C-alpha atoms as a PDB file:
ATOM      1  CA  MET A   1       0.000   0.000   0.000  1.00  0.00           C
ATOM      2  CA  SER A   2       1.346   3.434  -0.886  1.00  0.00           C
ATOM      3  CA  GLN A   3       1.964   6.073   1.719  1.00  0.00           C
ATOM      4  CA  LEU A   4      -0.813   8.233   0.203  1.00  0.00           C
ATOM      5  CA  ASN A   5      -3.403   5.481   0.694  1.00  0.00           C
ATOM      6  CA  GLU A   6      -2.367   5.120   4.330  1.00  0.00           C
ATOM      7  CA  ILE A   7      -2.862   8.846   4.947  1.00  0.00           C
ATOM      8  CA  GLU A   8      -5.928   9.597   2.820  1.00  0.00           C
ATOM      9  CA  PRO A   9      -9.097   7.612   3.506  1.00  0.00           C
ATOM     10  CA  VAL A  10     -10.908   6.003   0.620  1.00  0.00           C
ATOM     11  CA  LEU A  11     -13.916   8.195  -0.149  1.00  0.00           C
ATOM     12  CA  PRO A  12     -17.363   6.634  -0.375  1.00  0.00           C
ATOM     13  CA  GLU A  13     -18.933   6.414  -3.801  1.00  0.00           C
ATOM     14  CA  ALA A  14     -21.540   9.046  -2.897  1.00  0.00           C
ATOM     15  CA  GLN A  15     -19.713  12.331  -2.409  1.00  0.00           C
ATOM     16  CA  VAL A  16     -20.001  16.008  -3.266  1.00  0.00           C
ATOM     17  CA  ARG A  17     -17.749  17.131  -6.108  1.00  0.00           C
ATOM     18  CA  VAL A  18     -16.822  20.600  -7.339  1.00  0.00           C
ATOM     19  CA  GLY A  19     -17.641  21.272 -10.971  1.00  0.00           C
ATOM     20  CA  VAL A  20     -16.410  24.212 -13.029  1.00  0.00           C
ATOM     21  CA  GLY A  21     -18.430  25.546 -15.966  1.00  0.00           C
ATOM     22  CA  VAL A  22     -16.865  28.000 -18.421  1.00  0.00           C
ATOM     23  CA  MET A  23     -18.883  30.657 -20.258  1.00  0.00           C
ATOM     24  CA  LEU A  24     -16.395  30.839 -23.097  1.00  0.00           C
ATOM     25  CA  LEU A  25     -16.816  33.604 -25.685  1.00  0.00           C
ATOM     26  CA  ALA A  26     -15.290  32.384 -28.937  1.00  0.00           C
ATOM     27  CA  PRO A  27     -15.431  33.704 -32.493  1.00  0.00           C
ATOM     28  CA  GLY A  28     -19.076  33.061 -33.313  1.00  0.00           C
ATOM     29  CA  GLY A  29     -20.481  33.327 -29.786  1.00  0.00           C
ATOM     30  CA  TYR A  30     -20.560  31.566 -26.436  1.00  0.00           C
ATOM     31  CA  VAL A  31     -19.752  27.856 -26.644  1.00  0.00           C
ATOM     32  CA  LEU A  32     -22.208  25.139 -25.669  1.00  0.00           C
ATOM     33  CA  MET A  33     -21.301  21.465 -25.955  1.00  0.00           C
ATOM     34  CA  ARG A  34     -23.724  18.554 -26.393  1.00  0.00           C
ATOM     35  CA  ARG A  35     -22.714  15.992 -23.759  1.00  0.00           C
ATOM     36  CA  GLN A  36     -22.374  12.275 -24.273  1.00  0.00           C
ATOM     37  CA  GLY A  37     -21.075   9.312 -22.324  1.00  0.00           C
ATOM     38  CA  SER A  38     -21.886  10.702 -18.866  1.00  0.00           C
ATOM     39  CA  HIS A  39     -24.656  12.178 -16.726  1.00  0.00           C
ATOM     40  CA  GLY A  40     -26.592  14.750 -18.721  1.00  0.00           C
ATOM     41  CA  GLU A  41     -26.071  12.853 -21.985  1.00  0.00           C
ATOM     42  CA  GLY A  42     -27.697  14.690 -24.898  1.00  0.00           C
ATOM     43  CA  GLU A  43     -27.904  17.978 -22.966  1.00  0.00           C
ATOM     44  CA  PHE A  44     -26.092  21.184 -23.837  1.00  0.00           C
ATOM     45  CA  SER A  45     -23.582  22.462 -21.291  1.00  0.00           C
ATOM     46  CA  PHE A  46     -20.719  24.876 -21.013  1.00  0.00           C
ATOM     47  CA  PRO A  47     -17.206  23.492 -21.345  1.00  0.00           C
ATOM     48  CA  GLY A  48     -15.890  22.399 -17.966  1.00  0.00           C
ATOM     49  CA  GLY A  49     -15.284  19.544 -15.624  1.00  0.00           C
ATOM     50  CA  HIS A  50     -14.148  18.479 -12.185  1.00  0.00           C
ATOM     51  CA  LEU A  51     -11.849  20.546 -10.026  1.00  0.00           C
ATOM     52  CA  GLU A  52      -8.749  18.477  -9.281  1.00  0.00           C
ATOM     53  CA  PHE A  53      -6.989  18.417  -5.923  1.00  0.00           C
ATOM     54  CA  GLY A  54      -4.523  21.330  -5.612  1.00  0.00           C
ATOM     55  CA  GLU A  55      -5.966  23.157  -8.629  1.00  0.00           C
ATOM     56  CA  THR A  56      -7.610  26.594  -8.507  1.00  0.00           C
ATOM     57  CA  VAL A  57     -10.975  27.191 -10.163  1.00  0.00           C
ATOM     58  CA  LEU A  58      -9.343  29.369 -12.845  1.00  0.00           C
ATOM     59  CA  GLU A  59      -6.662  26.744 -13.517  1.00  0.00           C
ATOM     60  CA  CYS A  60      -9.382  24.112 -13.904  1.00  0.00           C
ATOM     61  CA  ALA A  61     -11.303  26.323 -16.349  1.00  0.00           C
ATOM     62  CA  ALA A  62      -8.183  26.900 -18.472  1.00  0.00           C
ATOM     63  CA  ARG A  63      -7.273  23.185 -18.419  1.00  0.00           C
ATOM     64  CA  GLU A  64     -10.753  22.083 -19.453  1.00  0.00           C
ATOM     65  CA  CYS A  65     -10.901  24.591 -22.346  1.00  0.00           C
ATOM     66  CA  LEU A  66      -7.565  23.308 -23.626  1.00  0.00           C
ATOM     67  CA  GLU A  67      -8.405  19.602 -23.162  1.00  0.00           C
ATOM     68  CA  GLU A  68     -11.949  19.729 -24.535  1.00  0.00           C
ATOM     69  CA  LEU A  69     -11.681  22.422 -27.214  1.00  0.00           C
ATOM     70  CA  GLY A  70      -7.993  23.094 -27.908  1.00  0.00           C
ATOM     71  CA  VAL A  71      -8.256  26.785 -27.005  1.00  0.00           C
ATOM     72  CA  SER A  72      -6.456  29.007 -24.521  1.00  0.00           C
ATOM     73  CA  LEU A  73      -8.760  30.722 -22.037  1.00  0.00           C
ATOM     74  CA  ARG A  74      -8.096  34.474 -21.914  1.00  0.00           C
ATOM     75  CA  ASP A  75      -8.930  36.845 -19.040  1.00  0.00           C
ATOM     76  CA  PRO A  76     -10.701  34.239 -16.893  1.00  0.00           C
ATOM     77  CA  ALA A  77     -12.806  35.528 -14.012  1.00  0.00           C
ATOM     78  CA  THR A  78     -15.074  33.747 -11.588  1.00  0.00           C
ATOM     79  CA  MET A  79     -18.757  34.612 -11.719  1.00  0.00           C
ATOM     80  CA  PRO A  80     -20.452  35.492  -8.411  1.00  0.00           C
ATOM     81  CA  ILE A  81     -22.842  32.528  -8.587  1.00  0.00           C
ATOM     82  CA  PHE A  82     -22.825  28.790  -8.074  1.00  0.00           C
ATOM     83  CA  THR A  83     -25.373  26.036  -8.577  1.00  0.00           C
ATOM     84  CA  GLU A  84     -26.066  22.958  -6.531  1.00  0.00           C
ATOM     85  CA  ASP A  85     -26.807  20.070  -8.862  1.00  0.00           C
ATOM     86  CA  PHE A  86     -28.120  16.610  -7.961  1.00  0.00           C
ATOM     87  CA  PHE A  87     -28.033  13.636 -10.326  1.00  0.00           C
ATOM     88  CA  GLN A  88     -29.796  10.990  -8.239  1.00  0.00           C
ATOM     89  CA  GLU A  89     -29.752   8.334 -10.966  1.00  0.00           C
ATOM     90  CA  HIS A  90     -25.939   8.584 -11.075  1.00  0.00           C
ATOM     91  CA  ASN A  91     -25.465   9.043  -7.315  1.00  0.00           C
ATOM     92  CA  ARG A  92     -23.775  12.415  -7.916  1.00  0.00           C
ATOM     93  CA  HIS A  93     -23.982  15.792  -6.193  1.00  0.00           C
ATOM     94  CA  TYR A  94     -22.076  18.824  -7.477  1.00  0.00           C
ATOM     95  CA  ILE A  95     -21.436  22.355  -6.376  1.00  0.00           C
ATOM     96  CA  THR A  96     -20.697  24.077  -9.678  1.00  0.00           C
ATOM     97  CA  VAL A  97     -18.897  27.392  -9.931  1.00  0.00           C
ATOM     98  CA  TYR A  98     -18.761  29.394 -13.136  1.00  0.00           C
ATOM     99  CA  VAL A  99     -15.989  31.229 -14.939  1.00  0.00           C
ATOM    100  CA  THR A 100     -16.153  33.659 -17.848  1.00  0.00           C
ATOM    101  CA  GLY A 101     -13.449  34.250 -20.409  1.00  0.00           C
ATOM    102  CA  TRP A 102     -12.775  34.350 -24.118  1.00  0.00           C
ATOM    103  CA  CYS A 103     -10.591  32.796 -26.765  1.00  0.00           C
ATOM    104  CA  ASP A 104      -9.369  34.077 -30.113  1.00  0.00           C
ATOM    105  CA  SER A 105      -9.379  30.758 -31.983  1.00  0.00           C
ATOM    106  CA  THR A 106     -12.221  28.518 -33.077  1.00  0.00           C
ATOM    107  CA  PRO A 107     -12.957  25.687 -30.635  1.00  0.00           C
ATOM    108  CA  LYS A 108     -12.868  22.110 -31.917  1.00  0.00           C
ATOM    109  CA  ILE A 109     -14.196  18.903 -30.372  1.00  0.00           C
ATOM    110  CA  LEU A 110     -11.125  17.111 -28.983  1.00  0.00           C
ATOM    111  CA  GLU A 111     -12.964  14.587 -26.799  1.00  0.00           C
ATOM    112  CA  PRO A 112     -15.651  13.104 -29.082  1.00  0.00           C
ATOM    113  CA  HIS A 113     -16.471  10.457 -26.476  1.00  0.00           C
ATOM    114  CA  LYS A 114     -17.632  13.315 -24.174  1.00  0.00           C
ATOM    115  CA  CYS A 115     -19.086  15.813 -26.677  1.00  0.00           C
ATOM    116  CA  ASN A 116     -20.642  15.281 -30.089  1.00  0.00           C
ATOM    117  CA  GLN A 117     -21.705  18.800 -31.091  1.00  0.00           C
ATOM    118  CA  LEU A 118     -20.788  22.446 -30.513  1.00  0.00           C
ATOM    119  CA  ARG A 119     -23.236  25.334 -30.652  1.00  0.00           C
ATOM    120  CA  PHE A 120     -22.388  29.021 -30.586  1.00  0.00           C
ATOM    121  CA  VAL A 121     -24.914  31.427 -29.064  1.00  0.00           C
ATOM    122  CA  SER A 122     -25.031  35.163 -28.442  1.00  0.00           C
ATOM    123  CA  ILE A 123     -26.588  37.113 -25.600  1.00  0.00           C
ATOM    124  CA  GLY A 124     -30.292  37.410 -26.380  1.00  0.00           C
ATOM    125  CA  ASP A 125     -30.397  34.148 -28.388  1.00  0.00           C
ATOM    126  CA  GLU A 126     -32.612  31.246 -27.448  1.00  0.00           C
ATOM    127  CA  LEU A 127     -30.506  28.475 -25.940  1.00  0.00           C
ATOM    128  CA  PRO A 128     -30.662  25.006 -27.489  1.00  0.00           C
ATOM    129  CA  THR A 129     -32.508  22.323 -25.567  1.00  0.00           C
ATOM    130  CA  PRO A 130     -32.289  20.268 -23.542  1.00  0.00           C
ATOM    131  CA  LEU A 131     -29.963  22.147 -21.178  1.00  0.00           C
ATOM    132  CA  PHE A 132     -27.621  20.627 -18.603  1.00  0.00           C
ATOM    133  CA  SER A 133     -28.295  21.505 -14.981  1.00  0.00           C
ATOM    134  CA  GLY A 134     -27.154  25.012 -14.038  1.00  0.00           C
ATOM    135  CA  VAL A 135     -26.679  26.369 -17.569  1.00  0.00           C
ATOM    136  CA  ARG A 136     -29.893  28.444 -17.524  1.00  0.00           C
ATOM    137  CA  THR A 137     -28.993  29.984 -14.144  1.00  0.00           C
ATOM    138  CA  ALA A 138     -25.508  31.040 -15.280  1.00  0.00           C
ATOM    139  CA  TRP A 139     -26.772  32.258 -18.680  1.00  0.00           C
ATOM    140  CA  ASP A 140     -29.530  34.376 -17.127  1.00  0.00           C
ATOM    141  CA  HIS A 141     -27.028  35.880 -14.669  1.00  0.00           C
ATOM    142  CA  LYS A 142     -24.700  36.826 -17.547  1.00  0.00           C
ATOM    143  CA  GLN A 143     -27.534  38.411 -19.545  1.00  0.00           C
ATOM    144  CA  ASP A 144     -28.767  40.347 -16.497  1.00  0.00           C
ATOM    145  CA  THR A 145     -25.246  41.618 -15.782  1.00  0.00           C
ATOM    146  CA  ILE A 146     -24.798  42.825 -19.356  1.00  0.00           C
ATOM    147  CA  ALA A 147     -28.216  44.534 -19.288  1.00  0.00           C
ATOM    148  CA  LYS A 148     -27.355  46.364 -16.020  1.00  0.00           C
ATOM    149  CA  VAL A 149     -24.003  47.539 -17.404  1.00  0.00           C
ATOM    150  CA  GLY A 150     -25.743  48.770 -20.557  1.00  0.00           C
ATOM    151  CA  LYS A 151     -28.211  50.857 -18.515  1.00  0.00           C
ATOM    152  CA  ARG A 152     -25.334  52.586 -16.701  1.00  0.00           C
ATOM    153  CA  GLY A 153     -23.433  53.301 -19.933  1.00  0.00           C
END
């Protein structure tokens, strides 16, 4: 047995995980990915994934954008919201935090076993359906923030 296993207890299957969703503005609009091979299969979500031990939220967001889409995340910033998402049928519970940022190259599907379609949407557009848990909450927050800034301008 390794020293790490002696120090760190084995976690039960049912546990709370931290997810990171990225509202990525790319040429053509904000990126939504159609999920496959996991919970939420067939639903549209933001790029993102699990926060790894020792990784910051912004590092996770940048890593996921590079791994999933082959793009570098520019000017990442955390959004002041989170969602609490339950997937009972998969015995999963997530606290998901959201990051905004942009990229200057066109995203490509690099993990076809996890995503089979990309959609690009602009503020004010109708979102494709069905949506992954939390996407509507983050999208509405972004639209509301932009509307408030526009009223001040």
